[in-house]
Amino acid sequence: MMLKVILIYLLLINVIAFIMYGADKSKAKKHAWRTPEATLIGVAVIGGSIGALAGMFFFHHKTKHIKFRLGLPVIFIAQIAAVIACSRYINL
């Protein structure tokens, strides 16, 4: 049951992250109000790193910013490491 909840959360947060990157790219093209970079990175930190990476490359958004090009993969790797470390102690 807990695993199902976690997987649903991860699916939703990654879809949200992907949509946020697309929406921010659209806003950038229209010179409209933008989503703060801290928010875009924050959604990756709370589990949306795959969606953020996919959105970054699919929409060609923030690809020239070092903190996104390096930061998002580092966040993803850290999340994978955390899951591996926690899986030894928690039976999901």
N, C-alpha and C. Protein backbone atom coordinates (compact mmCIF):
# COMPACT_ATOMS: atom_id res chain seq x y z
N MET A 1 0.82 -1.20 0.00
CA MET A 1 0.00 0.00 0.00
C MET A 1 0.86 1.26 0.00
N MET A 2 1.87 1.29 0.88
CA MET A 2 2.74 2.47 0.96
C MET A 2 3.51 2.68 -0.34
N LEU A 3 3.95 1.59 -0.95
CA LEU A 3 4.67 1.69 -2.22
C LEU A 3 3.77 2.30 -3.29
N LYS A 4 2.51 1.91 -3.31
CA LYS A 4 1.57 2.44 -4.30
C LYS A 4 1.39 3.95 -4.12
N VAL A 5 1.28 4.40 -2.88
CA VAL A 5 1.14 5.83 -2.59
C VAL A 5 2.38 6.59 -3.06
N ILE A 6 3.54 6.03 -2.78
CA ILE A 6 4.80 6.68 -3.18
C ILE A 6 4.90 6.75 -4.70
N LEU A 7 4.57 5.69 -5.38
CA LEU A 7 4.64 5.68 -6.85
C LEU A 7 3.65 6.68 -7.47
N ILE A 8 2.45 6.77 -6.92
CA ILE A 8 1.47 7.74 -7.41
C ILE A 8 1.99 9.16 -7.19
N TYR A 9 2.55 9.42 -6.00
CA TYR A 9 3.12 10.74 -5.72
C TYR A 9 4.21 11.08 -6.74
N LEU A 10 5.13 10.14 -6.95
CA LEU A 10 6.24 10.40 -7.88
C LEU A 10 5.74 10.63 -9.30
N LEU A 11 4.75 9.89 -9.72
CA LEU A 11 4.18 10.10 -11.05
C LEU A 11 3.60 11.51 -11.15
N LEU A 12 2.80 11.89 -10.17
CA LEU A 12 2.16 13.21 -10.20
C LEU A 12 3.17 14.35 -10.13
N ILE A 13 4.15 14.26 -9.23
CA ILE A 13 5.10 15.36 -9.07
C ILE A 13 5.98 15.49 -10.32
N ASN A 14 6.25 14.39 -11.00
CA ASN A 14 7.05 14.47 -12.22
C ASN A 14 6.25 15.04 -13.39
N VAL A 15 4.97 14.72 -13.47
CA VAL A 15 4.10 15.32 -14.49
C VAL A 15 3.99 16.82 -14.23
N ILE A 16 3.82 17.20 -12.96
CA ILE A 16 3.73 18.62 -12.59
C ILE A 16 5.01 19.34 -12.97
N ALA A 17 6.16 18.74 -12.66
CA ALA A 17 7.45 19.36 -12.99
C ALA A 17 7.58 19.57 -14.49
N PHE A 18 7.23 18.55 -15.26
CA PHE A 18 7.31 18.65 -16.73
C PHE A 18 6.44 19.79 -17.24
N ILE A 19 5.21 19.86 -16.74
CA ILE A 19 4.29 20.92 -17.14
C ILE A 19 4.81 22.29 -16.73
N MET A 20 5.39 22.39 -15.54
CA MET A 20 5.93 23.67 -15.07
C MET A 20 7.04 24.18 -15.99
N TYR A 21 7.92 23.29 -16.44
CA TYR A 21 9.00 23.70 -17.33
C TYR A 21 8.44 24.15 -18.68
N GLY A 22 7.44 23.45 -19.17
CA GLY A 22 6.81 23.85 -20.43
C GLY A 22 6.10 25.18 -20.30
N ALA A 23 5.38 25.37 -19.20
CA ALA A 23 4.66 26.62 -18.99
C ALA A 23 5.63 27.79 -18.85
N ASP A 24 6.73 27.58 -18.14
CA ASP A 24 7.70 28.66 -17.97
C ASP A 24 8.36 29.01 -19.30
N LYS A 25 8.62 28.02 -20.13
CA LYS A 25 9.19 28.29 -21.45
C LYS A 25 8.21 29.11 -22.28
N SER A 26 6.93 28.77 -22.22
CA SER A 26 5.91 29.52 -22.94
C SER A 26 5.84 30.96 -22.45
N LYS A 27 5.90 31.13 -21.13
CA LYS A 27 5.88 32.47 -20.56
C LYS A 27 7.11 33.27 -20.98
N ALA A 28 8.26 32.60 -21.07
CA ALA A 28 9.49 33.29 -21.48
C ALA A 28 9.36 33.82 -22.90
N LYS A 29 8.76 33.03 -23.78
CA LYS A 29 8.58 33.46 -25.17
C LYS A 29 7.65 34.66 -25.28
N LYS A 30 6.69 34.74 -24.34
CA LYS A 30 5.70 35.83 -24.37
C LYS A 30 6.10 37.01 -23.49
N HIS A 31 7.29 36.94 -22.90
CA HIS A 31 7.77 37.97 -21.98
C HIS A 31 6.77 38.22 -20.85
N ALA A 32 6.18 37.14 -20.37
CA ALA A 32 5.18 37.21 -19.30
C ALA A 32 5.85 36.90 -17.96
N TRP A 33 5.04 36.98 -16.88
CA TRP A 33 5.53 36.65 -15.55
C TRP A 33 6.05 35.23 -15.55
N ARG A 34 7.22 35.02 -14.95
CA ARG A 34 7.91 33.72 -14.98
C ARG A 34 7.86 33.01 -13.65
N THR A 35 8.01 31.72 -13.71
CA THR A 35 8.14 30.91 -12.50
C THR A 35 9.56 31.12 -11.96
N PRO A 36 9.69 31.42 -10.66
CA PRO A 36 11.04 31.61 -10.10
C PRO A 36 11.91 30.35 -10.27
N GLU A 37 13.20 30.56 -10.51
CA GLU A 37 14.11 29.43 -10.69
C GLU A 37 14.12 28.54 -9.45
N ALA A 38 14.01 29.15 -8.27
CA ALA A 38 13.99 28.36 -7.03
C ALA A 38 12.80 27.40 -7.01
N THR A 39 11.69 27.81 -7.58
CA THR A 39 10.51 26.95 -7.63
C THR A 39 10.74 25.79 -8.60
N LEU A 40 11.35 26.10 -9.75
CA LEU A 40 11.63 25.04 -10.73
C LEU A 40 12.61 24.00 -10.16
N ILE A 41 13.61 24.47 -9.44
CA ILE A 41 14.56 23.54 -8.81
C ILE A 41 13.89 22.83 -7.64
N GLY A 42 13.07 23.56 -6.90
CA GLY A 42 12.40 22.98 -5.74
C GLY A 42 11.50 21.81 -6.09
N VAL A 43 10.80 21.91 -7.20
CA VAL A 43 9.92 20.81 -7.61
C VAL A 43 10.76 19.57 -7.95
N ALA A 44 11.97 19.77 -8.42
CA ALA A 44 12.87 18.64 -8.67
C ALA A 44 13.31 18.02 -7.35
N VAL A 45 13.62 18.86 -6.39
CA VAL A 45 14.10 18.39 -5.09
C VAL A 45 13.04 17.54 -4.37
N ILE A 46 11.78 17.89 -4.51
CA ILE A 46 10.74 17.15 -3.79
C ILE A 46 10.26 15.91 -4.56
N GLY A 47 11.02 15.49 -5.55
CA GLY A 47 10.73 14.24 -6.23
C GLY A 47 10.49 14.34 -7.72
N GLY A 48 10.49 15.56 -8.26
CA GLY A 48 10.19 15.74 -9.67
C GLY A 48 11.39 15.88 -10.57
N SER A 49 12.50 15.28 -10.19
CA SER A 49 13.74 15.47 -10.96
C SER A 49 13.65 14.87 -12.37
N ILE A 50 12.98 13.76 -12.52
CA ILE A 50 12.87 13.15 -13.86
C ILE A 50 12.01 14.04 -14.75
N GLY A 51 10.89 14.51 -14.24
CA GLY A 51 10.03 15.40 -15.01
C GLY A 51 10.71 16.72 -15.33
N ALA A 52 11.50 17.22 -14.38
CA ALA A 52 12.23 18.47 -14.60
C ALA A 52 13.28 18.29 -15.70
N LEU A 53 14.02 17.21 -15.63
CA LEU A 53 15.03 16.94 -16.67
C LEU A 53 14.37 16.75 -18.03
N ALA A 54 13.28 15.99 -18.04
CA ALA A 54 12.57 15.76 -19.31
C ALA A 54 12.04 17.08 -19.87
N GLY A 55 11.46 17.90 -19.00
CA GLY A 55 10.94 19.20 -19.43
C GLY A 55 12.03 20.13 -19.92
N MET A 56 13.15 20.10 -19.21
CA MET A 56 14.28 20.97 -19.58
C MET A 56 14.75 20.64 -21.01
N PHE A 57 14.88 19.38 -21.32
CA PHE A 57 15.38 19.01 -22.64
C PHE A 57 14.28 19.01 -23.70
N PHE A 58 13.07 18.59 -23.35
CA PHE A 58 11.98 18.58 -24.32
C PHE A 58 11.63 19.99 -24.78
N PHE A 59 11.56 20.92 -23.84
CA PHE A 59 11.20 22.30 -24.17
C PHE A 59 12.42 23.19 -24.43
N HIS A 60 13.62 22.62 -24.33
CA HIS A 60 14.87 23.39 -24.49
C HIS A 60 14.85 24.61 -23.59
N HIS A 61 14.54 24.35 -22.32
CA HIS A 61 14.37 25.43 -21.35
C HIS A 61 15.40 25.31 -20.24
N LYS A 62 16.12 26.37 -19.99
CA LYS A 62 17.15 26.45 -18.95
C LYS A 62 18.36 25.57 -19.26
N THR A 63 18.52 25.19 -20.51
CA THR A 63 19.62 24.29 -20.86
C THR A 63 20.98 24.98 -20.86
N LYS A 64 21.00 26.30 -20.91
CA LYS A 64 22.26 27.04 -20.88
C LYS A 64 22.67 27.44 -19.47
N HIS A 65 21.79 27.22 -18.51
CA HIS A 65 22.07 27.59 -17.12
C HIS A 65 22.78 26.42 -16.43
N ILE A 66 24.00 26.69 -15.94
CA ILE A 66 24.81 25.65 -15.30
C ILE A 66 24.07 25.04 -14.11
N LYS A 67 23.38 25.88 -13.31
CA LYS A 67 22.72 25.32 -12.13
C LYS A 67 21.60 24.35 -12.51
N PHE A 68 21.08 24.44 -13.71
CA PHE A 68 20.08 23.48 -14.17
C PHE A 68 20.75 22.30 -14.87
N ARG A 69 21.71 22.57 -15.74
CA ARG A 69 22.38 21.49 -16.49
C ARG A 69 23.12 20.54 -15.56
N LEU A 70 23.71 21.08 -14.50
CA LEU A 70 24.43 20.23 -13.55
C LEU A 70 23.59 19.90 -12.33
N GLY A 71 22.82 20.88 -11.88
CA GLY A 71 22.05 20.72 -10.65
C GLY A 71 20.98 19.64 -10.73
N LEU A 72 20.22 19.63 -11.82
CA LEU A 72 19.14 18.63 -11.93
C LEU A 72 19.68 17.20 -11.97
N PRO A 73 20.73 16.91 -12.74
CA PRO A 73 21.27 15.55 -12.68
C PRO A 73 21.83 15.19 -11.29
N VAL A 74 22.43 16.16 -10.61
CA VAL A 74 22.95 15.90 -9.26
C VAL A 74 21.79 15.59 -8.31
N ILE A 75 20.70 16.34 -8.41
CA ILE A 75 19.52 16.07 -7.59
C ILE A 75 18.99 14.67 -7.87
N PHE A 76 18.90 14.31 -9.14
CA PHE A 76 18.40 12.98 -9.52
C PHE A 76 19.29 11.88 -8.95
N ILE A 77 20.59 12.02 -9.09
CA ILE A 77 21.53 11.02 -8.57
C ILE A 77 21.44 10.92 -7.05
N ALA A 78 21.31 12.07 -6.38
CA ALA A 78 21.17 12.07 -4.93
C ALA A 78 19.88 11.35 -4.51
N GLN A 79 18.81 11.56 -5.27
CA GLN A 79 17.55 10.89 -4.95
C GLN A 79 17.67 9.38 -5.14
N ILE A 80 18.33 8.96 -6.19
CA ILE A 80 18.54 7.53 -6.42
C ILE A 80 19.37 6.94 -5.28
N ALA A 81 20.42 7.64 -4.88
CA ALA A 81 21.27 7.17 -3.77
C ALA A 81 20.47 7.09 -2.47
N ALA A 82 19.60 8.06 -2.24
CA ALA A 82 18.78 8.05 -1.03
C ALA A 82 17.82 6.86 -1.03
N VAL A 83 17.23 6.58 -2.18
CA VAL A 83 16.31 5.44 -2.28
C VAL A 83 17.06 4.14 -2.02
N ILE A 84 18.25 4.00 -2.59
CA ILE A 84 19.03 2.80 -2.38
C ILE A 84 19.42 2.66 -0.91
N ALA A 85 19.86 3.75 -0.30
CA ALA A 85 20.25 3.72 1.11
C ALA A 85 19.05 3.39 2.01
N CYS A 86 17.92 4.00 1.74
CA CYS A 86 16.73 3.77 2.57
C CYS A 86 16.14 2.39 2.35
N SER A 87 16.29 1.85 1.16
CA SER A 87 15.71 0.54 0.86
C SER A 87 16.35 -0.56 1.68
N ARG A 88 17.53 -0.32 2.19
CA ARG A 88 18.20 -1.30 3.03
C ARG A 88 17.56 -1.37 4.42
N TYR A 89 16.93 -0.28 4.83
CA TYR A 89 16.37 -0.20 6.17
C TYR A 89 14.85 -0.26 6.23
N ILE A 90 14.21 0.05 5.10
CA ILE A 90 12.76 0.10 5.06
C ILE A 90 12.27 -0.89 4.01
N ASN A 91 11.37 -1.71 4.38
CA ASN A 91 10.80 -2.66 3.42
C ASN A 91 9.56 -2.03 2.80
N LEU A 92 9.72 -1.48 1.61
CA LEU A 92 8.58 -0.87 0.93
C LEU A 92 7.79 -1.95 0.24
